[in-house]
């Protein structure tokens, strides 16, 4: 899995977040998408074989400007019953 973080200009409200999330989910097979207009970013978690250019096309196609993109490996933490009691 890969975690892609996009710094985005033009997100102004929760409706912008919802529109971006919906369009990314409809266009690209992803595990998770979050968007924050307050931070000006979207985080997409997907399989390694998903083309990041397709995600960028969706963002730009909605009229937003991508300021920066970072990609890093993503390892999902497995939750067990005992991990609920683990001190952090």
PDB file of N, CA and C in Angstrom:
ATOM      1  N   UNK A   1       0.836  -1.173   0.000  1.00  0.00           N
ATOM      2  CA  UNK A   1       0.000   0.000   0.000  1.00  0.00           C
ATOM      3  C   UNK A   1       0.889   1.247   0.000  1.00  0.00           C
ATOM      4  N   UNK A   2       0.354   2.274  -0.615  1.00  0.00           N
ATOM      5  CA  UNK A   2       1.049   3.554  -0.697  1.00  0.00           C
ATOM      6  C   UNK A   2       0.135   4.646  -0.147  1.00  0.00           C
ATOM      7  N   UNK A   3       0.720   5.574   0.597  1.00  0.00           N
ATOM      8  CA  UNK A   3      -0.006   6.744   1.093  1.00  0.00           C
ATOM      9  C   UNK A   3       0.459   7.948   0.290  1.00  0.00           C
ATOM     10  N   UNK A   4      -0.484   8.568  -0.436  1.00  0.00           N
ATOM     11  CA  UNK A   4      -0.193   9.773  -1.220  1.00  0.00           C
ATOM     12  C   UNK A   4      -0.809  10.964  -0.498  1.00  0.00           C
ATOM     13  N   UNK A   5      -0.006  11.977  -0.238  1.00  0.00           N
ATOM     14  CA  UNK A   5      -0.489  13.205   0.383  1.00  0.00           C
ATOM     15  C   UNK A   5      -0.368  14.324  -0.645  1.00  0.00           C
ATOM     16  N   UNK A   6      -1.498  14.962  -0.932  1.00  0.00           N
ATOM     17  CA  UNK A   6      -1.547  16.050  -1.900  1.00  0.00           C
ATOM     18  C   UNK A   6      -1.833  17.353  -1.177  1.00  0.00           C
ATOM     19  N   UNK A   7      -0.960  18.341  -1.332  1.00  0.00           N
ATOM     20  CA  UNK A   7      -1.232  19.695  -0.855  1.00  0.00           C
ATOM     21  C   UNK A   7      -2.002  20.385  -1.976  1.00  0.00           C
ATOM     22  N   UNK A   8      -3.181  20.909  -1.637  1.00  0.00           N
ATOM     23  CA  UNK A   8      -4.102  21.397  -2.659  1.00  0.00           C
ATOM     24  C   UNK A   8      -4.529  22.824  -2.354  1.00  0.00           C
ATOM     25  N   UNK A   9      -4.536  23.641  -3.386  1.00  0.00           N
ATOM     26  CA  UNK A   9      -5.048  25.014  -3.288  1.00  0.00           C
ATOM     27  C   UNK A   9      -6.450  25.048  -3.881  1.00  0.00           C
ATOM     28  N   UNK A  10      -7.368  25.702  -3.177  1.00  0.00           N
ATOM     29  CA  UNK A  10      -8.713  25.867  -3.711  1.00  0.00           C
ATOM     30  C   UNK A  10      -9.801  25.151  -2.935  1.00  0.00           C
ATOM     31  N   UNK A  11      -9.423  24.373  -1.917  1.00  0.00           N
ATOM     32  CA  UNK A  11     -10.423  23.744  -1.060  1.00  0.00           C
ATOM     33  C   UNK A  11     -10.898  24.791  -0.059  1.00  0.00           C
ATOM     34  N   UNK A  12     -12.196  25.111  -0.076  1.00  0.00           N
ATOM     35  CA  UNK A  12     -12.691  26.198   0.769  1.00  0.00           C
ATOM     36  C   UNK A  12     -13.669  25.776   1.855  1.00  0.00           C
ATOM     37  N   UNK A  13     -14.277  24.594   1.721  1.00  0.00           N
ATOM     38  CA  UNK A  13     -15.329  24.220   2.667  1.00  0.00           C
ATOM     39  C   UNK A  13     -15.505  22.692   2.695  1.00  0.00           C
ATOM     40  N   UNK A  14     -16.410  22.241   3.551  1.00  0.00           N
ATOM     41  CA  UNK A  14     -16.681  20.814   3.675  1.00  0.00           C
ATOM     42  C   UNK A  14     -17.277  20.236   2.391  1.00  0.00           C
ATOM     43  N   UNK A  15     -18.013  21.035   1.657  1.00  0.00           N
ATOM     44  CA  UNK A  15     -18.567  20.553   0.382  1.00  0.00           C
ATOM     45  C   UNK A  15     -17.458  20.288  -0.620  1.00  0.00           C
ATOM     46  N   UNK A  16     -16.418  21.116  -0.588  1.00  0.00           N
ATOM     47  CA  UNK A  16     -15.253  20.876  -1.453  1.00  0.00           C
ATOM     48  C   UNK A  16     -14.610  19.535  -1.093  1.00  0.00           C
ATOM     49  N   UNK A  17     -14.463  19.294   0.216  1.00  0.00           N
ATOM     50  CA  UNK A  17     -13.896  18.021   0.677  1.00  0.00           C
ATOM     51  C   UNK A  17     -14.736  16.849   0.180  1.00  0.00           C
ATOM     52  N   UNK A  18     -16.044  16.949   0.365  1.00  0.00           N
ATOM     53  CA  UNK A  18     -16.947  15.851  -0.020  1.00  0.00           C
ATOM     54  C   UNK A  18     -16.897  15.603  -1.524  1.00  0.00           C
ATOM     55  N   UNK A  19     -16.871  16.670  -2.310  1.00  0.00           N
ATOM     56  CA  UNK A  19     -16.822  16.542  -3.771  1.00  0.00           C
ATOM     57  C   UNK A  19     -15.521  15.877  -4.209  1.00  0.00           C
ATOM     58  N   UNK A  20     -14.418  16.286  -3.600  1.00  0.00           N
ATOM     59  CA  UNK A  20     -13.115  15.714  -3.946  1.00  0.00           C
ATOM     60  C   UNK A  20     -13.071  14.222  -3.587  1.00  0.00           C
ATOM     61  N   UNK A  21     -13.508  13.883  -2.388  1.00  0.00           N
ATOM     62  CA  UNK A  21     -13.502  12.487  -1.948  1.00  0.00           C
ATOM     63  C   UNK A  21     -14.368  11.628  -2.872  1.00  0.00           C
ATOM     64  N   UNK A  22     -15.566  12.090  -3.159  1.00  0.00           N
ATOM     65  CA  UNK A  22     -16.485  11.333  -4.013  1.00  0.00           C
ATOM     66  C   UNK A  22     -15.911  11.104  -5.407  1.00  0.00           C
ATOM     67  N   UNK A  23     -15.320  12.136  -5.985  1.00  0.00           N
ATOM     68  CA  UNK A  23     -14.774  12.012  -7.339  1.00  0.00           C
ATOM     69  C   UNK A  23     -13.551  11.104  -7.389  1.00  0.00           C
ATOM     70  N   UNK A  24     -12.703  11.161  -6.382  1.00  0.00           N
ATOM     71  CA  UNK A  24     -11.542  10.262  -6.356  1.00  0.00           C
ATOM     72  C   UNK A  24     -12.016   8.819  -6.212  1.00  0.00           C
ATOM     73  N   UNK A  25     -12.957   8.575  -5.306  1.00  0.00           N
ATOM     74  CA  UNK A  25     -13.477   7.206  -5.115  1.00  0.00           C
ATOM     75  C   UNK A  25     -14.158   6.673  -6.365  1.00  0.00           C
ATOM     76  N   UNK A  26     -14.851   7.533  -7.087  1.00  0.00           N
ATOM     77  CA  UNK A  26     -15.541   7.103  -8.308  1.00  0.00           C
ATOM     78  C   UNK A  26     -14.588   6.842  -9.469  1.00  0.00           C
ATOM     79  N   UNK A  27     -13.413   7.458  -9.449  1.00  0.00           N
ATOM     80  CA  UNK A  27     -12.494   7.381 -10.588  1.00  0.00           C
ATOM     81  C   UNK A  27     -11.338   6.408 -10.404  1.00  0.00           C
ATOM     82  N   UNK A  28     -10.932   6.178  -9.173  1.00  0.00           N
ATOM     83  CA  UNK A  28      -9.741   5.382  -8.891  1.00  0.00           C
ATOM     84  C   UNK A  28     -10.069   4.403  -7.760  1.00  0.00           C
ATOM     85  N   UNK A  29      -9.590   3.174  -7.895  1.00  0.00           N
ATOM     86  CA  UNK A  29      -9.810   2.194  -6.827  1.00  0.00           C
ATOM     87  C   UNK A  29      -8.841   2.484  -5.687  1.00  0.00           C
ATOM     88  N   UNK A  30      -9.403   2.925  -4.551  1.00  0.00           N
ATOM     89  CA  UNK A  30      -8.584   3.295  -3.397  1.00  0.00           C
ATOM     90  C   UNK A  30      -9.091   2.581  -2.158  1.00  0.00           C
ATOM     91  N   UNK A  31      -8.235   2.470  -1.166  1.00  0.00           N
ATOM     92  CA  UNK A  31      -8.635   1.901   0.124  1.00  0.00           C
ATOM     93  C   UNK A  31      -9.270   2.976   0.984  1.00  0.00           C
ATOM     94  N   UNK A  32      -8.696   4.184   0.945  1.00  0.00           N
ATOM     95  CA  UNK A  32      -9.160   5.263   1.812  1.00  0.00           C
ATOM     96  C   UNK A  32      -8.846   6.615   1.182  1.00  0.00           C
ATOM     97  N   UNK A  33      -9.752   7.571   1.379  1.00  0.00           N
ATOM     98  CA  UNK A  33      -9.519   8.950   0.945  1.00  0.00           C
ATOM     99  C   UNK A  33     -10.007   9.872   2.052  1.00  0.00           C
ATOM    100  N   UNK A  34      -9.179  10.831   2.428  1.00  0.00           N
ATOM    101  CA  UNK A  34      -9.606  11.883   3.341  1.00  0.00           C
ATOM    102  C   UNK A  34      -9.204  13.211   2.734  1.00  0.00           C
ATOM    103  N   UNK A  35      -9.957  14.238   3.075  1.00  0.00           N
ATOM    104  CA  UNK A  35      -9.658  15.572   2.582  1.00  0.00           C
ATOM    105  C   UNK A  35      -9.918  16.572   3.690  1.00  0.00           C
ATOM    106  N   UNK A  36      -9.077  17.589   3.795  1.00  0.00           N
ATOM    107  CA  UNK A  36      -9.240  18.627   4.799  1.00  0.00           C
ATOM    108  C   UNK A  36      -9.034  19.986   4.147  1.00  0.00           C
ATOM    109  N   UNK A  37     -10.123  20.747   4.043  1.00  0.00           N
ATOM    110  CA  UNK A  37      -9.977  22.093   3.476  1.00  0.00           C
ATOM    111  C   UNK A  37      -9.183  22.980   4.433  1.00  0.00           C
ATOM    112  N   UNK A  38      -9.259  22.692   5.744  1.00  0.00           N
ATOM    113  CA  UNK A  38      -8.518  23.486   6.719  1.00  0.00           C
ATOM    114  C   UNK A  38      -7.010  23.338   6.542  1.00  0.00           C
ATOM    115  N   UNK A  39      -6.564  22.112   6.253  1.00  0.00           N
ATOM    116  CA  UNK A  39      -5.137  21.854   6.042  1.00  0.00           C
ATOM    117  C   UNK A  39      -4.737  22.042   4.589  1.00  0.00           C
ATOM    118  N   UNK A  40      -5.735  22.080   3.696  1.00  0.00           N
ATOM    119  CA  UNK A  40      -5.428  22.183   2.267  1.00  0.00           C
ATOM    120  C   UNK A  40      -4.756  20.930   1.753  1.00  0.00           C
ATOM    121  N   UNK A  41      -5.272  19.767   2.168  1.00  0.00           N
ATOM    122  CA  UNK A  41      -4.648  18.529   1.725  1.00  0.00           C
ATOM    123  C   UNK A  41      -5.656  17.399   1.592  1.00  0.00           C
ATOM    124  N   UNK A  42      -5.271  16.435   0.782  1.00  0.00           N
ATOM    125  CA  UNK A  42      -6.018  15.193   0.641  1.00  0.00           C
ATOM    126  C   UNK A  42      -5.027  14.055   0.813  1.00  0.00           C
ATOM    127  N   UNK A  43      -5.467  12.999   1.484  1.00  0.00           N
ATOM    128  CA  UNK A  43      -4.634  11.820   1.686  1.00  0.00           C
ATOM    129  C   UNK A  43      -5.350  10.634   1.059  1.00  0.00           C
ATOM    130  N   UNK A  44      -4.635   9.943   0.177  1.00  0.00           N
ATOM    131  CA  UNK A  44      -5.193   8.795  -0.530  1.00  0.00           C
ATOM    132  C   UNK A  44      -4.327   7.582  -0.231  1.00  0.00           C
ATOM    133  N   UNK A  45      -4.966   6.522   0.238  1.00  0.00           N
ATOM    134  CA  UNK A  45      -4.262   5.269   0.496  1.00  0.00           C
ATOM    135  C   UNK A  45      -4.773   4.252  -0.518  1.00  0.00           C
ATOM    136  N   UNK A  46      -3.833   3.668  -1.267  1.00  0.00           N
ATOM    137  CA  UNK A  46      -4.223   2.742  -2.331  1.00  0.00           C
ATOM    138  C   UNK A  46      -3.134   1.701  -2.541  1.00  0.00           C
ATOM    139  N   UNK A  47      -3.437   0.742  -3.397  1.00  0.00           N
ATOM    140  CA  UNK A  47      -2.461  -0.289  -3.735  1.00  0.00           C
ATOM    141  C   UNK A  47      -1.330   0.327  -4.551  1.00  0.00           C
ATOM    142  N   UNK A  48      -0.221  -0.365  -4.570  1.00  0.00           N
ATOM    143  CA  UNK A  48       0.971   0.123  -5.260  1.00  0.00           C
ATOM    144  C   UNK A  48       0.755   0.331  -6.754  1.00  0.00           C
ATOM    145  N   UNK A  49      -0.141  -0.441  -7.360  1.00  0.00           N
ATOM    146  CA  UNK A  49      -0.294  -0.382  -8.814  1.00  0.00           C
ATOM    147  C   UNK A  49      -1.241   0.716  -9.296  1.00  0.00           C
ATOM    148  N   UNK A  50      -1.810   1.512  -8.393  1.00  0.00           N
ATOM    149  CA  UNK A  50      -2.681   2.615  -8.801  1.00  0.00           C
ATOM    150  C   UNK A  50      -1.811   3.760  -9.301  1.00  0.00           C
ATOM    151  N   UNK A  51      -2.150   4.275 -10.472  1.00  0.00           N
ATOM    152  CA  UNK A  51      -1.379   5.349 -11.094  1.00  0.00           C
ATOM    153  C   UNK A  51      -1.739   6.682 -10.443  1.00  0.00           C
ATOM    154  N   UNK A  52      -0.757   7.311  -9.803  1.00  0.00           N
ATOM    155  CA  UNK A  52      -0.977   8.580  -9.111  1.00  0.00           C
ATOM    156  C   UNK A  52      -1.397   9.687 -10.092  1.00  0.00           C
ATOM    157  N   UNK A  53      -1.032   9.556 -11.357  1.00  0.00           N
ATOM    158  CA  UNK A  53      -1.436  10.555 -12.352  1.00  0.00           C
ATOM    159  C   UNK A  53      -2.951  10.598 -12.519  1.00  0.00           C
ATOM    160  N   UNK A  54      -3.612   9.454 -12.378  1.00  0.00           N
ATOM    161  CA  UNK A  54      -5.073   9.440 -12.462  1.00  0.00           C
ATOM    162  C   UNK A  54      -5.699  10.215 -11.310  1.00  0.00           C
ATOM    163  N   UNK A  55      -5.110  10.105 -10.131  1.00  0.00           N
ATOM    164  CA  UNK A  55      -5.606  10.860  -8.973  1.00  0.00           C
ATOM    165  C   UNK A  55      -5.396  12.354  -9.212  1.00  0.00           C
ATOM    166  N   UNK A  56      -4.230  12.706  -9.723  1.00  0.00           N
ATOM    167  CA  UNK A  56      -3.938  14.121 -10.010  1.00  0.00           C
ATOM    168  C   UNK A  56      -4.906  14.689 -11.047  1.00  0.00           C
ATOM    169  N   UNK A  57      -5.240  13.897 -12.067  1.00  0.00           N
ATOM    170  CA  UNK A  57      -6.182  14.345 -13.093  1.00  0.00           C
ATOM    171  C   UNK A  57      -7.543  14.664 -12.493  1.00  0.00           C
ATOM    172  N   UNK A  58      -7.986  13.844 -11.540  1.00  0.00           N
ATOM    173  CA  UNK A  58      -9.268  14.087 -10.877  1.00  0.00           C
ATOM    174  C   UNK A  58      -9.223  15.408 -10.112  1.00  0.00           C
ATOM    175  N   UNK A  59      -8.153  15.623  -9.358  1.00  0.00           N
ATOM    176  CA  UNK A  59      -8.022  16.838  -8.544  1.00  0.00           C
ATOM    177  C   UNK A  59      -8.004  18.079  -9.430  1.00  0.00           C
ATOM    178  N   UNK A  60      -7.181  18.064 -10.451  1.00  0.00           N
ATOM    179  CA  UNK A  60      -7.061  19.208 -11.360  1.00  0.00           C
ATOM    180  C   UNK A  60      -8.348  19.388 -12.166  1.00  0.00           C
ATOM    181  N   UNK A  61      -8.982  18.289 -12.540  1.00  0.00           N
ATOM    182  CA  UNK A  61     -10.228  18.344 -13.294  1.00  0.00           C
ATOM    183  C   UNK A  61     -11.362  19.016 -12.532  1.00  0.00           C
ATOM    184  N   UNK A  62     -11.272  19.003 -11.208  1.00  0.00           N
ATOM    185  CA  UNK A  62     -12.279  19.669 -10.379  1.00  0.00           C
ATOM    186  C   UNK A  62     -11.973  21.150 -10.173  1.00  0.00           C
ATOM    187  N   UNK A  63     -10.845  21.607 -10.727  1.00  0.00           N
ATOM    188  CA  UNK A  63     -10.496  23.021 -10.636  1.00  0.00           C
ATOM    189  C   UNK A  63      -9.548  23.372  -9.513  1.00  0.00           C
ATOM    190  N   UNK A  64      -8.975  22.371  -8.850  1.00  0.00           N
ATOM    191  CA  UNK A  64      -8.035  22.633  -7.769  1.00  0.00           C
ATOM    192  C   UNK A  64      -6.608  22.600  -8.302  1.00  0.00           C
ATOM    193  N   UNK A  65      -5.716  23.239  -7.582  1.00  0.00           N
ATOM    194  CA  UNK A  65      -4.307  23.282  -7.964  1.00  0.00           C
ATOM    195  C   UNK A  65      -3.499  22.439  -6.977  1.00  0.00           C
ATOM    196  N   UNK A  66      -2.693  21.528  -7.501  1.00  0.00           N
ATOM    197  CA  UNK A  66      -1.828  20.697  -6.656  1.00  0.00           C
ATOM    198  C   UNK A  66      -0.522  21.449  -6.426  1.00  0.00           C
ATOM    199  N   UNK A  67      -0.234  21.721  -5.164  1.00  0.00           N
ATOM    200  CA  UNK A  67       0.984  22.457  -4.806  1.00  0.00           C
ATOM    201  C   UNK A  67       2.155  21.521  -4.537  1.00  0.00           C
ATOM    202  N   UNK A  68       1.864  20.334  -4.008  1.00  0.00           N
ATOM    203  CA  UNK A  68       2.931  19.387  -3.659  1.00  0.00           C
ATOM    204  C   UNK A  68       2.320  17.991  -3.527  1.00  0.00           C
ATOM    205  N   UNK A  69       3.129  16.989  -3.799  1.00  0.00           N
ATOM    206  CA  UNK A  69       2.701  15.605  -3.654  1.00  0.00           C
ATOM    207  C   UNK A  69       3.808  14.824  -2.955  1.00  0.00           C
ATOM    208  N   UNK A  70       3.427  14.035  -1.963  1.00  0.00           N
ATOM    209  CA  UNK A  70       4.376  13.157  -1.296  1.00  0.00           C
ATOM    210  C   UNK A  70       3.797  11.754  -1.272  1.00  0.00           C
ATOM    211  N   UNK A  71       4.646  10.772  -1.512  1.00  0.00           N
ATOM    212  CA  UNK A  71       4.226   9.370  -1.480  1.00  0.00           C
ATOM    213  C   UNK A  71       5.163   8.599  -0.567  1.00  0.00           C
ATOM    214  N   UNK A  72       4.565   7.700   0.217  1.00  0.00           N
ATOM    215  CA  UNK A  72       5.362   6.893   1.131  1.00  0.00           C
ATOM    216  C   UNK A  72       4.667   5.555   1.344  1.00  0.00           C
ATOM    217  N   UNK A  73       5.437   4.529   1.678  1.00  0.00           N
ATOM    218  CA  UNK A  73       4.817   3.232   1.959  1.00  0.00           C
ATOM    219  C   UNK A  73       3.848   3.356   3.129  1.00  0.00           C
ATOM    220  N   UNK A  74       2.782   2.595   3.059  1.00  0.00           N
ATOM    221  CA  UNK A  74       1.777   2.611   4.120  1.00  0.00           C
ATOM    222  C   UNK A  74       1.572   1.189   4.614  1.00  0.00           C
ATOM    223  N   UNK A  75       1.788   0.990   5.899  1.00  0.00           N
ATOM    224  CA  UNK A  75       1.570  -0.322   6.508  1.00  0.00           C
ATOM    225  C   UNK A  75       0.396  -0.203   7.461  1.00  0.00           C
ATOM    226  N   UNK A  76      -0.651  -0.914   7.146  1.00  0.00           N
ATOM    227  CA  UNK A  76      -1.840  -0.869   7.985  1.00  0.00           C
ATOM    228  C   UNK A  76      -1.566  -1.598   9.292  1.00  0.00           C
ATOM    229  N   UNK A  77      -1.919  -0.939  10.392  1.00  0.00           N
ATOM    230  CA  UNK A  77      -1.721  -1.547  11.699  1.00  0.00           C
ATOM    231  C   UNK A  77      -2.847  -2.530  11.957  1.00  0.00           C
ATOM    232  N   UNK A  78      -2.470  -3.759  12.246  1.00  0.00           N
ATOM    233  CA  UNK A  78      -3.477  -4.786  12.545  1.00  0.00           C
ATOM    234  C   UNK A  78      -3.932  -4.614  13.986  1.00  0.00           C
ATOM    235  N   UNK A  79      -5.234  -4.581  14.163  1.00  0.00           N
ATOM    236  CA  UNK A  79      -5.789  -4.401  15.495  1.00  0.00           C
ATOM    237  C   UNK A  79      -6.237  -5.746  16.054  1.00  0.00           C
ATOM    238  N   UNK A  80      -5.793  -5.997  17.251  1.00  0.00           N
ATOM    239  CA  UNK A  80      -6.207  -7.203  17.951  1.00  0.00           C
ATOM    240  C   UNK A  80      -6.931  -6.786  19.230  1.00  0.00           C
ATOM    241  N   UNK A  81      -7.558  -7.733  19.850  1.00  0.00           N
ATOM    242  CA  UNK A  81      -8.255  -7.450  21.094  1.00  0.00           C
ATOM    243  C   UNK A  81      -7.304  -6.845  22.126  1.00  0.00           C
ATOM    244  N   UNK A  82      -6.095  -7.393  22.236  1.00  0.00           N
ATOM    245  CA  UNK A  82      -5.166  -6.930  23.248  1.00  0.00           C
ATOM    246  C   UNK A  82      -4.549  -5.569  22.919  1.00  0.00           C
ATOM    247  N   UNK A  83      -4.548  -5.183  21.654  1.00  0.00           N
ATOM    248  CA  UNK A  83      -3.990  -3.878  21.295  1.00  0.00           C
ATOM    249  C   UNK A  83      -4.869  -2.739  21.829  1.00  0.00           C
ATOM    250  N   UNK A  84      -6.117  -3.024  22.150  1.00  0.00           N
ATOM    251  CA  UNK A  84      -6.996  -2.015  22.717  1.00  0.00           C
ATOM    252  C   UNK A  84      -6.510  -1.552  24.092  1.00  0.00           C
ATOM    253  N   UNK A  85      -5.781  -2.415  24.789  1.00  0.00           N
ATOM    254  CA  UNK A  85      -5.323  -2.121  26.138  1.00  0.00           C
ATOM    255  C   UNK A  85      -3.854  -1.688  26.187  1.00  0.00           C
ATOM    256  N   UNK A  86      -3.245  -1.574  25.036  1.00  0.00           N
ATOM    257  CA  UNK A  86      -1.836  -1.201  24.944  1.00  0.00           C
ATOM    258  C   UNK A  86      -1.667   0.282  25.285  1.00  0.00           C
ATOM    259  N   UNK A  87      -0.687   0.575  26.134  1.00  0.00           N
ATOM    260  CA  UNK A  87      -0.410   1.973  26.481  1.00  0.00           C
ATOM    261  C   UNK A  87       0.391   2.612  25.357  1.00  0.00           C
ATOM    262  N   UNK A  88       0.039   3.843  25.026  1.00  0.00           N
ATOM    263  CA  UNK A  88       0.723   4.562  23.934  1.00  0.00           C
ATOM    264  C   UNK A  88       1.660   5.581  24.491  1.00  0.00           C
TER     265      UNK A  88
END
